[in-house]
Amino acid sequence: MPRRICEAVHEAVVSRLDLGLYVTAEPDLPVSDVIERMRRCRCGAAVVTEGGSLCGIFTERDVLQKVVHRPETWSQPVREFMTSGPVSIKAQDRVLSALQSMHSGHFRNVPVLDDRGRLVGNLTDHALVQHLCERLEREILTLPPNPDQVPDTVEGA
């Protein structure tokens, strides 16, 4: 694996990535209010906290699978539809470890906690892709549209 890729995933820590794309919600907040917060923020997850501690996550996937076709649920508390006790990662974890956790769990959002267990952000799949693209810009921008593409003739001017 080239050195730049190793640095981008093995050596970087999660706290260096953009962790700001999320909203918080209290467990008793109605689902419709949580969805409105997510819509205004243009983010795919609401991190549910109680007394400052992480207790759940409510994502676009929850909306699509549990709520969207059942209008009677919109006024119910988000605690009934959130994922309780979600997988979280530490701010000082390596990017590779976070990437592996997200991949194995099929997560697009993972809450990030500090050493004391307090919420410091939300790691998204978009933040990971952005991080890799920034570190590997030259390699990405010089790829041909089709990696197997080989020109038949020499280009020239």
C-alpha atoms as a PDB file:
ATOM      1  CA  MET A   1       0.000   0.000   0.000  1.00  0.00           C
ATOM      2  CA  PRO A   2       1.521   3.390  -0.962  1.00  0.00           C
ATOM      3  CA  ARG A   3       2.730   5.551   1.927  1.00  0.00           C
ATOM      4  CA  ARG A   4       0.092   8.304   1.401  1.00  0.00           C
ATOM      5  CA  ILE A   5      -2.768   5.825   1.676  1.00  0.00           C
ATOM      6  CA  CYS A   6      -1.253   4.334   4.842  1.00  0.00           C
ATOM      7  CA  GLU A   7      -1.001   7.790   6.378  1.00  0.00           C
ATOM      8  CA  ALA A   8      -4.563   8.624   5.384  1.00  0.00           C
ATOM      9  CA  VAL A   9      -6.087   5.598   7.135  1.00  0.00           C
ATOM     10  CA  HIS A  10      -3.561   4.170   9.607  1.00  0.00           C
ATOM     11  CA  GLU A  11      -2.040   7.254  11.174  1.00  0.00           C
ATOM     12  CA  ALA A  12      -4.860   9.830  11.134  1.00  0.00           C
ATOM     13  CA  VAL A  13      -7.183  10.047  14.120  1.00  0.00           C
ATOM     14  CA  VAL A  14     -10.948  10.527  13.997  1.00  0.00           C
ATOM     15  CA  SER A  15     -10.822  13.869  15.842  1.00  0.00           C
ATOM     16  CA  ARG A  16      -9.088  15.409  12.798  1.00  0.00           C
ATOM     17  CA  LEU A  17     -12.075  14.701  10.536  1.00  0.00           C
ATOM     18  CA  ASP A  18     -15.211  16.793  10.079  1.00  0.00           C
ATOM     19  CA  LEU A  19     -17.531  15.546  12.826  1.00  0.00           C
ATOM     20  CA  GLY A  20     -20.084  18.340  12.693  1.00  0.00           C
ATOM     21  CA  LEU A  21     -22.862  16.963  10.508  1.00  0.00           C
ATOM     22  CA  TYR A  22     -25.514  15.974  13.054  1.00  0.00           C
ATOM     23  CA  VAL A  23     -28.167  17.291  15.394  1.00  0.00           C
ATOM     24  CA  THR A  24     -29.014  16.259  18.919  1.00  0.00           C
ATOM     25  CA  ALA A  25     -32.404  15.375  20.301  1.00  0.00           C
ATOM     26  CA  GLU A  26     -33.871  14.379  23.625  1.00  0.00           C
ATOM     27  CA  PRO A  27     -35.536  10.934  23.798  1.00  0.00           C
ATOM     28  CA  ASP A  28     -39.001  12.385  24.486  1.00  0.00           C
ATOM     29  CA  LEU A  29     -38.960  14.757  21.495  1.00  0.00           C
ATOM     30  CA  PRO A  30     -41.640  13.888  18.914  1.00  0.00           C
ATOM     31  CA  VAL A  31     -40.398  12.124  15.792  1.00  0.00           C
ATOM     32  CA  SER A  32     -41.716  14.940  13.563  1.00  0.00           C
ATOM     33  CA  ASP A  33     -39.581  17.512  15.432  1.00  0.00           C
ATOM     34  CA  VAL A  34     -36.468  15.351  15.136  1.00  0.00           C
ATOM     35  CA  ILE A  35     -37.034  14.865  11.399  1.00  0.00           C
ATOM     36  CA  GLU A  36     -37.492  18.621  10.989  1.00  0.00           C
ATOM     37  CA  ARG A  37     -34.169  19.249  12.769  1.00  0.00           C
ATOM     38  CA  MET A  38     -32.478  16.724  10.490  1.00  0.00           C
ATOM     39  CA  ARG A  39     -34.057  18.321   7.418  1.00  0.00           C
ATOM     40  CA  ARG A  40     -32.980  21.853   8.400  1.00  0.00           C
ATOM     41  CA  CYS A  41     -29.435  20.673   9.132  1.00  0.00           C
ATOM     42  CA  ARG A  42     -29.377  18.551   5.960  1.00  0.00           C
ATOM     43  CA  CYS A  43     -27.906  15.710   7.951  1.00  0.00           C
ATOM     44  CA  GLY A  44     -28.702  12.042   8.022  1.00  0.00           C
ATOM     45  CA  ALA A  45     -28.751  11.454  11.756  1.00  0.00           C
ATOM     46  CA  ALA A  46     -29.870  12.821  15.073  1.00  0.00           C
ATOM     47  CA  VAL A  47     -27.807  11.763  18.054  1.00  0.00           C
ATOM     48  CA  VAL A  48     -30.166  11.172  20.971  1.00  0.00           C
ATOM     49  CA  THR A  49     -28.795  12.266  24.330  1.00  0.00           C
ATOM     50  CA  GLU A  50     -30.197  12.195  27.835  1.00  0.00           C
ATOM     51  CA  GLY A  51     -28.499  14.174  30.564  1.00  0.00           C
ATOM     52  CA  GLY A  52     -25.550  14.778  28.258  1.00  0.00           C
ATOM     53  CA  SER A  53     -24.968  11.064  27.661  1.00  0.00           C
ATOM     54  CA  LEU A  54     -25.444   9.190  24.421  1.00  0.00           C
ATOM     55  CA  CYS A  55     -28.506   6.953  24.566  1.00  0.00           C
ATOM     56  CA  GLY A  56     -29.400   6.431  20.906  1.00  0.00           C
ATOM     57  CA  ILE A  57     -29.238   7.457  17.288  1.00  0.00           C
ATOM     58  CA  PHE A  58     -32.092   8.161  14.897  1.00  0.00           C
ATOM     59  CA  THR A  59     -31.117   7.990  11.235  1.00  0.00           C
ATOM     60  CA  GLU A  60     -32.615   8.350   7.783  1.00  0.00           C
ATOM     61  CA  ARG A  61     -32.787   4.568   7.711  1.00  0.00           C
ATOM     62  CA  ASP A  62     -35.007   4.613  10.828  1.00  0.00           C
ATOM     63  CA  VAL A  63     -37.263   7.175   9.164  1.00  0.00           C
ATOM     64  CA  LEU A  64     -37.623   5.070   6.018  1.00  0.00           C
ATOM     65  CA  GLN A  65     -38.082   1.719   7.741  1.00  0.00           C
ATOM     66  CA  LYS A  66     -40.114   2.638  10.820  1.00  0.00           C
ATOM     67  CA  VAL A  67     -41.866   5.973  10.369  1.00  0.00           C
ATOM     68  CA  VAL A  68     -42.459   7.325   6.887  1.00  0.00           C
ATOM     69  CA  HIS A  69     -45.541   5.254   6.013  1.00  0.00           C
ATOM     70  CA  ARG A  70     -47.098   5.503   9.461  1.00  0.00           C
ATOM     71  CA  PRO A  71     -48.250   9.093  10.118  1.00  0.00           C
ATOM     72  CA  GLU A  72     -49.566   8.083  13.541  1.00  0.00           C
ATOM     73  CA  THR A  73     -45.930   7.643  14.674  1.00  0.00           C
ATOM     74  CA  TRP A  74     -44.933  11.223  13.927  1.00  0.00           C
ATOM     75  CA  SER A  75     -46.171  12.530  17.272  1.00  0.00           C
ATOM     76  CA  GLN A  76     -44.632   9.705  19.287  1.00  0.00           C
ATOM     77  CA  PRO A  77     -41.311  10.124  21.146  1.00  0.00           C
ATOM     78  CA  VAL A  78     -38.180   9.388  19.151  1.00  0.00           C
ATOM     79  CA  ARG A  79     -37.050   6.912  21.837  1.00  0.00           C
ATOM     80  CA  GLU A  80     -39.551   4.420  20.399  1.00  0.00           C
ATOM     81  CA  PHE A  81     -37.887   4.422  16.972  1.00  0.00           C
ATOM     82  CA  MET A  82     -34.210   5.211  17.632  1.00  0.00           C
ATOM     83  CA  THR A  83     -31.446   2.643  17.794  1.00  0.00           C
ATOM     84  CA  SER A  84     -30.667   2.361  21.509  1.00  0.00           C
ATOM     85  CA  GLY A  85     -27.098   1.956  22.716  1.00  0.00           C
ATOM     86  CA  PRO A  86     -25.548   2.643  19.308  1.00  0.00           C
ATOM     87  CA  VAL A  87     -22.012   1.691  18.401  1.00  0.00           C
ATOM     88  CA  SER A  88     -19.756   4.656  19.057  1.00  0.00           C
ATOM     89  CA  ILE A  89     -16.090   5.414  18.553  1.00  0.00           C
ATOM     90  CA  LYS A  90     -13.558   7.469  20.482  1.00  0.00           C
ATOM     91  CA  ALA A  91     -12.204  10.742  19.136  1.00  0.00           C
ATOM     92  CA  GLN A  92      -8.648   9.376  19.404  1.00  0.00           C
ATOM     93  CA  ASP A  93      -9.385   6.175  17.462  1.00  0.00           C
ATOM     94  CA  ARG A  94      -7.552   5.728  14.186  1.00  0.00           C
ATOM     95  CA  VAL A  95      -9.444   6.367  10.964  1.00  0.00           C
ATOM     96  CA  LEU A  96      -8.820   2.770   9.845  1.00  0.00           C
ATOM     97  CA  SER A  97     -10.492   1.412  12.983  1.00  0.00           C
ATOM     98  CA  ALA A  98     -13.489   3.730  12.464  1.00  0.00           C
ATOM     99  CA  LEU A  99     -13.714   2.745   8.810  1.00  0.00           C
ATOM    100  CA  GLN A 100     -13.675  -0.949   9.706  1.00  0.00           C
ATOM    101  CA  SER A 101     -16.361  -0.440  12.344  1.00  0.00           C
ATOM    102  CA  MET A 102     -18.590   1.474   9.932  1.00  0.00           C
ATOM    103  CA  HIS A 103     -18.075  -1.078   7.172  1.00  0.00           C
ATOM    104  CA  SER A 104     -18.762  -4.134   9.327  1.00  0.00           C
ATOM    105  CA  GLY A 105     -21.885  -2.580  10.859  1.00  0.00           C
ATOM    106  CA  HIS A 106     -23.129  -1.023   7.607  1.00  0.00           C
ATOM    107  CA  PHE A 107     -23.230   2.374   9.344  1.00  0.00           C
ATOM    108  CA  ARG A 108     -23.258   5.762   7.632  1.00  0.00           C
ATOM    109  CA  ASN A 109     -23.215   7.621  10.960  1.00  0.00           C
ATOM    110  CA  VAL A 110     -21.331   6.800  14.152  1.00  0.00           C
ATOM    111  CA  PRO A 111     -21.335   9.014  17.270  1.00  0.00           C
ATOM    112  CA  VAL A 112     -17.882  10.099  18.430  1.00  0.00           C
ATOM    113  CA  LEU A 113     -17.165  10.332  22.160  1.00  0.00           C
ATOM    114  CA  ASP A 114     -14.284  11.809  24.133  1.00  0.00           C
ATOM    115  CA  ASP A 115     -12.392   9.925  26.841  1.00  0.00           C
ATOM    116  CA  ARG A 116     -15.080  10.795  29.390  1.00  0.00           C
ATOM    117  CA  GLY A 117     -17.875   9.452  27.193  1.00  0.00           C
ATOM    118  CA  ARG A 118     -19.217  12.868  26.194  1.00  0.00           C
ATOM    119  CA  LEU A 119     -20.453  13.437  22.656  1.00  0.00           C
ATOM    120  CA  VAL A 120     -17.999  15.385  20.495  1.00  0.00           C
ATOM    121  CA  GLY A 121     -19.470  14.715  17.064  1.00  0.00           C
ATOM    122  CA  ASN A 122     -20.760  12.309  14.480  1.00  0.00           C
ATOM    123  CA  LEU A 123     -18.554  10.542  11.955  1.00  0.00           C
ATOM    124  CA  THR A 124     -20.254  10.182   8.581  1.00  0.00           C
ATOM    125  CA  ASP A 125     -19.340   8.167   5.528  1.00  0.00           C
ATOM    126  CA  HIS A 126     -19.091  11.504   3.699  1.00  0.00           C
ATOM    127  CA  ALA A 127     -16.463  12.767   6.180  1.00  0.00           C
ATOM    128  CA  LEU A 128     -14.377   9.640   5.583  1.00  0.00           C
ATOM    129  CA  VAL A 129     -14.551   9.999   1.804  1.00  0.00           C
ATOM    130  CA  GLN A 130     -13.713  13.703   2.075  1.00  0.00           C
ATOM    131  CA  HIS A 131     -10.712  12.910   4.290  1.00  0.00           C
ATOM    132  CA  LEU A 132      -9.383  10.330   1.834  1.00  0.00           C
ATOM    133  CA  CYS A 133      -9.954  12.599  -1.170  1.00  0.00           C
ATOM    134  CA  GLU A 134      -8.085  15.459   0.500  1.00  0.00           C
ATOM    135  CA  ARG A 135      -5.118  13.225   1.336  1.00  0.00           C
ATOM    136  CA  LEU A 136      -5.078  11.456  -2.023  1.00  0.00           C
ATOM    137  CA  GLU A 137      -6.067  14.344  -4.291  1.00  0.00           C
ATOM    138  CA  ARG A 138      -3.294  13.847  -6.858  1.00  0.00           C
ATOM    139  CA  GLU A 139      -3.889  10.112  -7.117  1.00  0.00           C
ATOM    140  CA  ILE A 140      -7.647  10.556  -7.484  1.00  0.00           C
ATOM    141  CA  LEU A 141      -7.564  13.441  -9.966  1.00  0.00           C
ATOM    142  CA  THR A 142      -5.143  11.664 -12.307  1.00  0.00           C
ATOM    143  CA  LEU A 143      -7.139   8.447 -12.581  1.00  0.00           C
ATOM    144  CA  PRO A 144      -8.581   7.760 -16.022  1.00  0.00           C
ATOM    145  CA  PRO A 145     -12.376   7.539 -16.193  1.00  0.00           C
ATOM    146  CA  ASN A 146     -11.990   3.787 -16.567  1.00  0.00           C
ATOM    147  CA  PRO A 147      -8.933   2.435 -14.683  1.00  0.00           C
ATOM    148  CA  ASP A 148      -8.487  -0.328 -17.297  1.00  0.00           C
ATOM    149  CA  GLN A 149      -8.572   2.201 -20.123  1.00  0.00           C
ATOM    150  CA  VAL A 150      -5.466   2.270 -22.262  1.00  0.00           C
ATOM    151  CA  PRO A 151      -5.292   4.693 -25.205  1.00  0.00           C
ATOM    152  CA  ASP A 152      -5.032   3.088 -28.678  1.00  0.00           C
ATOM    153  CA  THR A 153      -2.963   5.968 -30.062  1.00  0.00           C
ATOM    154  CA  VAL A 154      -0.650   8.599 -28.659  1.00  0.00           C
ATOM    155  CA  GLU A 155      -2.407  11.858 -27.930  1.00  0.00           C
ATOM    156  CA  GLY A 156      -0.729  14.952 -29.262  1.00  0.00           C
ATOM    157  CA  ALA A 157      -1.216  18.550 -30.145  1.00  0.00           C
END
